[in-house]
PDB file of N, CA and C in Angstrom:
ATOM      1  N   MET A   1     -11.352  -3.633  -1.123  1.00  0.00           N
ATOM      2  CA  MET A   1     -10.364  -4.692  -0.971  1.00  0.00           C
ATOM      3  C   MET A   1      -9.265  -4.244  -0.017  1.00  0.00           C
ATOM      4  N   ASP A   2      -8.806  -5.157   0.808  1.00  0.00           N
ATOM      5  CA  ASP A   2      -7.732  -4.780   1.721  1.00  0.00           C
ATOM      6  C   ASP A   2      -6.373  -5.069   1.078  1.00  0.00           C
ATOM      7  N   GLY A   3      -5.335  -4.583   1.711  1.00  0.00           N
ATOM      8  CA  GLY A   3      -4.003  -4.687   1.132  1.00  0.00           C
ATOM      9  C   GLY A   3      -3.094  -5.682   1.813  1.00  0.00           C
ATOM     10  N   THR A   4      -3.660  -6.789   2.329  1.00  0.00           N
ATOM     11  CA  THR A   4      -2.830  -7.745   3.064  1.00  0.00           C
ATOM     12  C   THR A   4      -2.249  -8.855   2.181  1.00  0.00           C
ATOM     13  N   LYS A   5      -2.725  -8.995   0.951  1.00  0.00           N
ATOM     14  CA  LYS A   5      -2.227 -10.041   0.053  1.00  0.00           C
ATOM     15  C   LYS A   5      -1.374  -9.418  -1.061  1.00  0.00           C
ATOM     16  N   ARG A   6      -0.139  -9.884  -1.176  1.00  0.00           N
ATOM     17  CA  ARG A   6       0.798  -9.345  -2.168  1.00  0.00           C
ATOM     18  C   ARG A   6       0.300  -9.577  -3.594  1.00  0.00           C
ATOM     19  N   SER A   7      -0.386 -10.705  -3.828  1.00  0.00           N
ATOM     20  CA  SER A   7      -0.849 -11.053  -5.175  1.00  0.00           C
ATOM     21  C   SER A   7      -1.892 -10.066  -5.705  1.00  0.00           C
ATOM     22  N   ALA A   8      -2.559  -9.329  -4.819  1.00  0.00           N
ATOM     23  CA  ALA A   8      -3.599  -8.383  -5.238  1.00  0.00           C
ATOM     24  C   ALA A   8      -3.027  -7.022  -5.617  1.00  0.00           C
ATOM     25  N   ILE A   9      -1.744  -6.807  -5.348  1.00  0.00           N
ATOM     26  CA  ILE A   9      -1.139  -5.483  -5.545  1.00  0.00           C
ATOM     27  C   ILE A   9      -0.158  -5.531  -6.710  1.00  0.00           C
ATOM     28  N   LYS A  10      -0.313  -4.580  -7.619  1.00  0.00           N
ATOM     29  CA  LYS A  10       0.547  -4.499  -8.794  1.00  0.00           C
ATOM     30  C   LYS A  10       0.935  -3.047  -9.037  1.00  0.00           C
ATOM     31  N   PRO A  11       2.086  -2.810  -9.660  1.00  0.00           N
ATOM     32  CA  PRO A  11       2.463  -1.430  -9.992  1.00  0.00           C
ATOM     33  C   PRO A  11       1.381  -0.763 -10.853  1.00  0.00           C
ATOM     34  N   GLY A  12       1.109   0.503 -10.547  1.00  0.00           N
ATOM     35  CA  GLY A  12       0.099   1.251 -11.278  1.00  0.00           C
ATOM     36  C   GLY A  12      -1.260   1.257 -10.606  1.00  0.00           C
ATOM     37  N   LEU A  13      -1.438   0.419  -9.581  1.00  0.00           N
ATOM     38  CA  LEU A  13      -2.707   0.328  -8.874  1.00  0.00           C
ATOM     39  C   LEU A  13      -2.885   1.550  -7.977  1.00  0.00           C
ATOM     40  N   ARG A  14      -4.125   2.092  -7.902  1.00  0.00           N
ATOM     41  CA  ARG A  14      -4.410   3.236  -7.021  1.00  0.00           C
ATOM     42  C   ARG A  14      -4.798   2.678  -5.654  1.00  0.00           C
ATOM     43  N   VAL A  15      -4.096   3.126  -4.614  1.00  0.00           N
ATOM     44  CA  VAL A  15      -4.279   2.588  -3.268  1.00  0.00           C
ATOM     45  C   VAL A  15      -4.253   3.705  -2.223  1.00  0.00           C
ATOM     46  N   ASN A  16      -4.728   3.377  -1.032  1.00  0.00           N
ATOM     47  CA  ASN A  16      -4.530   4.207   0.148  1.00  0.00           C
ATOM     48  C   ASN A  16      -3.513   3.502   1.022  1.00  0.00           C
ATOM     49  N   ILE A  17      -2.477   4.248   1.457  1.00  0.00           N
ATOM     50  CA  ILE A  17      -1.480   3.676   2.363  1.00  0.00           C
ATOM     51  C   ILE A  17      -1.470   4.464   3.663  1.00  0.00           C
ATOM     52  N   VAL A  18      -0.960   3.828   4.713  1.00  0.00           N
ATOM     53  CA  VAL A  18      -0.668   4.536   5.952  1.00  0.00           C
ATOM     54  C   VAL A  18       0.851   4.537   6.093  1.00  0.00           C
ATOM     55  N   MET A  19       1.429   5.733   6.189  1.00  0.00           N
ATOM     56  CA  MET A  19       2.879   5.854   6.351  1.00  0.00           C
ATOM     57  C   MET A  19       3.234   5.655   7.821  1.00  0.00           C
ATOM     58  N   LYS A  20       4.490   5.309   8.094  1.00  0.00           N
ATOM     59  CA  LYS A  20       4.944   5.005   9.450  1.00  0.00           C
ATOM     60  C   LYS A  20       4.576   6.121  10.433  1.00  0.00           C
ATOM     61  N   GLU A  21       4.819   7.370  10.028  1.00  0.00           N
ATOM     62  CA  GLU A  21       4.555   8.492  10.936  1.00  0.00           C
ATOM     63  C   GLU A  21       3.063   8.753  11.145  1.00  0.00           C
ATOM     64  N   ASP A  22       2.211   8.143  10.312  1.00  0.00           N
ATOM     65  CA  ASP A  22       0.764   8.335  10.432  1.00  0.00           C
ATOM     66  C   ASP A  22       0.054   7.144  11.062  1.00  0.00           C
ATOM     67  N   GLN A  23       0.803   6.146  11.524  1.00  0.00           N
ATOM     68  CA  GLN A  23       0.171   4.939  12.057  1.00  0.00           C
ATOM     69  C   GLN A  23      -0.695   5.228  13.279  1.00  0.00           C
ATOM     70  N   ARG A  24      -0.274   6.154  14.128  1.00  0.00           N
ATOM     71  CA  ARG A  24      -1.060   6.465  15.331  1.00  0.00           C
ATOM     72  C   ARG A  24      -2.380   7.136  14.984  1.00  0.00           C
ATOM     73  N   THR A  25      -2.362   8.025  13.993  1.00  0.00           N
ATOM     74  CA  THR A  25      -3.580   8.762  13.634  1.00  0.00           C
ATOM     75  C   THR A  25      -4.425   7.999  12.629  1.00  0.00           C
ATOM     76  N   GLY A  26      -3.794   7.111  11.864  1.00  0.00           N
ATOM     77  CA  GLY A  26      -4.513   6.374  10.834  1.00  0.00           C
ATOM     78  C   GLY A  26      -4.733   7.186   9.569  1.00  0.00           C
ATOM     79  N   PHE A  27      -4.024   8.323   9.431  1.00  0.00           N
ATOM     80  CA  PHE A  27      -4.154   9.172   8.246  1.00  0.00           C
ATOM     81  C   PHE A  27      -3.708   8.408   7.004  1.00  0.00           C
ATOM     82  N   LEU A  28      -4.545   8.417   5.963  1.00  0.00           N
ATOM     83  CA  LEU A  28      -4.260   7.673   4.739  1.00  0.00           C
ATOM     84  C   LEU A  28      -3.750   8.599   3.644  1.00  0.00           C
ATOM     85  N   THR A  29      -2.807   8.095   2.863  1.00  0.00           N
ATOM     86  CA  THR A  29      -2.256   8.807   1.720  1.00  0.00           C
ATOM     87  C   THR A  29      -2.621   8.031   0.467  1.00  0.00           C
ATOM     88  N   GLU A  30      -3.198   8.725  -0.504  1.00  0.00           N
ATOM     89  CA  GLU A  30      -3.625   8.083  -1.743  1.00  0.00           C
ATOM     90  C   GLU A  30      -2.548   8.241  -2.802  1.00  0.00           C
ATOM     91  N   GLY A  31      -2.369   7.202  -3.606  1.00  0.00           N
ATOM     92  CA  GLY A  31      -1.402   7.289  -4.689  1.00  0.00           C
ATOM     93  C   GLY A  31      -1.369   6.026  -5.519  1.00  0.00           C
ATOM     94  N   TYR A  32      -0.430   6.006  -6.451  1.00  0.00           N
ATOM     95  CA  TYR A  32      -0.267   4.868  -7.358  1.00  0.00           C
ATOM     96  C   TYR A  32       0.994   4.099  -7.009  1.00  0.00           C
ATOM     97  N   VAL A  33       0.892   2.770  -6.961  1.00  0.00           N
ATOM     98  CA  VAL A  33       2.009   1.905  -6.578  1.00  0.00           C
ATOM     99  C   VAL A  33       3.117   1.967  -7.638  1.00  0.00           C
ATOM    100  N   GLN A  34       4.342   2.199  -7.160  1.00  0.00           N
ATOM    101  CA  GLN A  34       5.509   2.128  -8.043  1.00  0.00           C
ATOM    102  C   GLN A  34       6.241   0.816  -7.815  1.00  0.00           C
ATOM    103  N   ASP A  35       6.548   0.503  -6.538  1.00  0.00           N
ATOM    104  CA  ASP A  35       7.283  -0.717  -6.190  1.00  0.00           C
ATOM    105  C   ASP A  35       6.594  -1.415  -5.028  1.00  0.00           C
ATOM    106  N   ILE A  36       6.655  -2.748  -5.017  1.00  0.00           N
ATOM    107  CA  ILE A  36       6.184  -3.547  -3.888  1.00  0.00           C
ATOM    108  C   ILE A  36       7.410  -3.915  -3.072  1.00  0.00           C
ATOM    109  N   LEU A  37       7.421  -3.530  -1.796  1.00  0.00           N
ATOM    110  CA  LEU A  37       8.606  -3.724  -0.961  1.00  0.00           C
ATOM    111  C   LEU A  37       8.536  -4.974  -0.086  1.00  0.00           C
ATOM    112  N   THR A  38       7.337  -5.441   0.254  1.00  0.00           N
ATOM    113  CA  THR A  38       7.179  -6.645   1.066  1.00  0.00           C
ATOM    114  C   THR A  38       7.426  -7.873   0.205  1.00  0.00           C
ATOM    115  N   LYS A  39       8.257  -8.786   0.686  1.00  0.00           N
ATOM    116  CA  LYS A  39       8.581 -10.002  -0.068  1.00  0.00           C
ATOM    117  C   LYS A  39       7.623 -11.156   0.227  1.00  0.00           C
ATOM    118  N   SER A  40       7.055 -11.204   1.431  1.00  0.00           N
ATOM    119  CA  SER A  40       6.187 -12.326   1.790  1.00  0.00           C
ATOM    120  C   SER A  40       4.836 -12.225   1.072  1.00  0.00           C
ATOM    121  N   PRO A  41       4.127 -13.356   0.890  1.00  0.00           N
ATOM    122  CA  PRO A  41       2.868 -13.357   0.143  1.00  0.00           C
ATOM    123  C   PRO A  41       1.730 -12.589   0.824  1.00  0.00           C
ATOM    124  N   ASN A  42       1.817 -12.439   2.152  1.00  0.00           N
ATOM    125  CA  ASN A  42       0.819 -11.627   2.851  1.00  0.00           C
ATOM    126  C   ASN A  42       1.415 -11.035   4.115  1.00  0.00           C
ATOM    127  N   HIS A  43       0.759  -9.994   4.619  1.00  0.00           N
ATOM    128  CA  HIS A  43       1.215  -9.321   5.837  1.00  0.00           C
ATOM    129  C   HIS A  43      -0.010  -8.782   6.557  1.00  0.00           C
ATOM    130  N   PRO A  44      -0.155  -9.069   7.854  1.00  0.00           N
ATOM    131  CA  PRO A  44      -1.382  -8.685   8.570  1.00  0.00           C
ATOM    132  C   PRO A  44      -1.624  -7.175   8.639  1.00  0.00           C
ATOM    133  N   HIS A  45      -0.575  -6.366   8.548  1.00  0.00           N
ATOM    134  CA  HIS A  45      -0.735  -4.906   8.639  1.00  0.00           C
ATOM    135  C   HIS A  45      -0.756  -4.236   7.277  1.00  0.00           C
ATOM    136  N   GLY A  46      -0.668  -5.005   6.219  1.00  0.00           N
ATOM    137  CA  GLY A  46      -0.684  -4.452   4.869  1.00  0.00           C
ATOM    138  C   GLY A  46       0.662  -4.616   4.189  1.00  0.00           C
ATOM    139  N   ILE A  47       0.631  -4.777   2.884  1.00  0.00           N
ATOM    140  CA  ILE A  47       1.843  -4.926   2.086  1.00  0.00           C
ATOM    141  C   ILE A  47       2.518  -3.566   1.967  1.00  0.00           C
ATOM    142  N   LYS A  48       3.818  -3.522   2.212  1.00  0.00           N
ATOM    143  CA  LYS A  48       4.560  -2.261   2.134  1.00  0.00           C
ATOM    144  C   LYS A  48       4.887  -1.952   0.679  1.00  0.00           C
ATOM    145  N   VAL A  49       4.568  -0.719   0.260  1.00  0.00           N
ATOM    146  CA  VAL A  49       4.798  -0.292  -1.114  1.00  0.00           C
ATOM    147  C   VAL A  49       5.434   1.097  -1.139  1.00  0.00           C
ATOM    148  N   ARG A  50       6.027   1.425  -2.300  1.00  0.00           N
ATOM    149  CA  ARG A  50       6.489   2.784  -2.570  1.00  0.00           C
ATOM    150  C   ARG A  50       5.561   3.350  -3.633  1.00  0.00           C
ATOM    151  N   LEU A  51       5.022   4.537  -3.368  1.00  0.00           N
ATOM    152  CA  LEU A  51       4.156   5.193  -4.343  1.00  0.00           C
ATOM    153  C   LEU A  51       5.008   5.903  -5.387  1.00  0.00           C
ATOM    154  N   GLU A  52       4.376   6.318  -6.489  1.00  0.00           N
ATOM    155  CA  GLU A  52       5.090   7.044  -7.544  1.00  0.00           C
ATOM    156  C   GLU A  52       5.652   8.365  -7.034  1.00  0.00           C
ATOM    157  N   THR A  53       5.088   8.888  -5.939  1.00  0.00           N
ATOM    158  CA  THR A  53       5.574  10.136  -5.335  1.00  0.00           C
ATOM    159  C   THR A  53       6.781   9.907  -4.428  1.00  0.00           C
ATOM    160  N   GLY A  54       7.135   8.630  -4.183  1.00  0.00           N
ATOM    161  CA  GLY A  54       8.276   8.302  -3.331  1.00  0.00           C
ATOM    162  C   GLY A  54       7.891   7.981  -1.898  1.00  0.00           C
ATOM    163  N   GLU A  55       6.628   8.177  -1.528  1.00  0.00           N
ATOM    164  CA  GLU A  55       6.184   7.891  -0.165  1.00  0.00           C
ATOM    165  C   GLU A  55       6.087   6.376   0.028  1.00  0.00           C
ATOM    166  N   VAL A  56       6.446   5.924   1.237  1.00  0.00           N
ATOM    167  CA  VAL A  56       6.446   4.499   1.559  1.00  0.00           C
ATOM    168  C   VAL A  56       5.467   4.251   2.691  1.00  0.00           C
ATOM    169  N   GLY A  57       4.660   3.201   2.542  1.00  0.00           N
ATOM    170  CA  GLY A  57       3.728   2.848   3.595  1.00  0.00           C
ATOM    171  C   GLY A  57       3.074   1.513   3.302  1.00  0.00           C
ATOM    172  N   ARG A  58       2.169   1.126   4.205  1.00  0.00           N
ATOM    173  CA  ARG A  58       1.465  -0.147   4.069  1.00  0.00           C
ATOM    174  C   ARG A  58       0.080   0.078   3.476  1.00  0.00           C
ATOM    175  N   VAL A  59      -0.271  -0.769   2.505  1.00  0.00           N
ATOM    176  CA  VAL A  59      -1.556  -0.633   1.817  1.00  0.00           C
ATOM    177  C   VAL A  59      -2.689  -0.958   2.791  1.00  0.00           C
ATOM    178  N   GLN A  60      -3.625  -0.026   2.927  1.00  0.00           N
ATOM    179  CA  GLN A  60      -4.806  -0.227   3.756  1.00  0.00           C
ATOM    180  C   GLN A  60      -6.010  -0.608   2.916  1.00  0.00           C
ATOM    181  N   GLU A  61      -6.098  -0.044   1.707  1.00  0.00           N
ATOM    182  CA  GLU A  61      -7.184  -0.420   0.810  1.00  0.00           C
ATOM    183  C   GLU A  61      -6.783  -0.180  -0.631  1.00  0.00           C
ATOM    184  N   ILE A  62      -7.345  -1.033  -1.494  1.00  0.00           N
ATOM    185  CA  ILE A  62      -7.130  -0.908  -2.943  1.00  0.00           C
ATOM    186  C   ILE A  62      -8.333  -0.154  -3.483  1.00  0.00           C
ATOM    187  N   LEU A  63      -8.079   0.972  -4.176  1.00  0.00           N
ATOM    188  CA  LEU A  63      -9.171   1.832  -4.629  1.00  0.00           C
ATOM    189  C   LEU A  63      -9.714   1.442  -5.981  1.00  0.00           C
ATOM    190  N   GLU A  64      -8.862   0.993  -6.886  1.00  0.00           N
ATOM    191  CA  GLU A  64      -9.363   0.575  -8.202  1.00  0.00           C
ATOM    192  C   GLU A  64      -8.402  -0.414  -8.837  1.00  0.00           C
ATOM    193  N   GLU A  65      -8.968  -1.330  -9.567  1.00  0.00           N
ATOM    194  CA  GLU A  65      -8.168  -2.298 -10.308  1.00  0.00           C
ATOM    195  C   GLU A  65      -7.774  -1.682 -11.628  1.00  0.00           C
ATOM    196  N   ASP A  66      -6.617  -2.058 -12.161  1.00  0.00           N
ATOM    197  CA  ASP A  66      -6.158  -1.514 -13.429  1.00  0.00           C
ATOM    198  C   ASP A  66      -6.818  -2.212 -14.594  1.00  0.00           C
TER     199      ASP A  66
END
């Protein structure tokens, strides 16, 4: 599943994000969603979230449903 729809993302979900500094390389960081930062219902580059580790990035894929 991709991370472009806000309705598909909930706190506690395991996701892969791309952080701002990794956008050129496409390096993905795995973690659990703490906060959803994007207010709009969808975003073409992925919904921006904060992971439980404090890292911020855009969701590229949802790894598992809760």
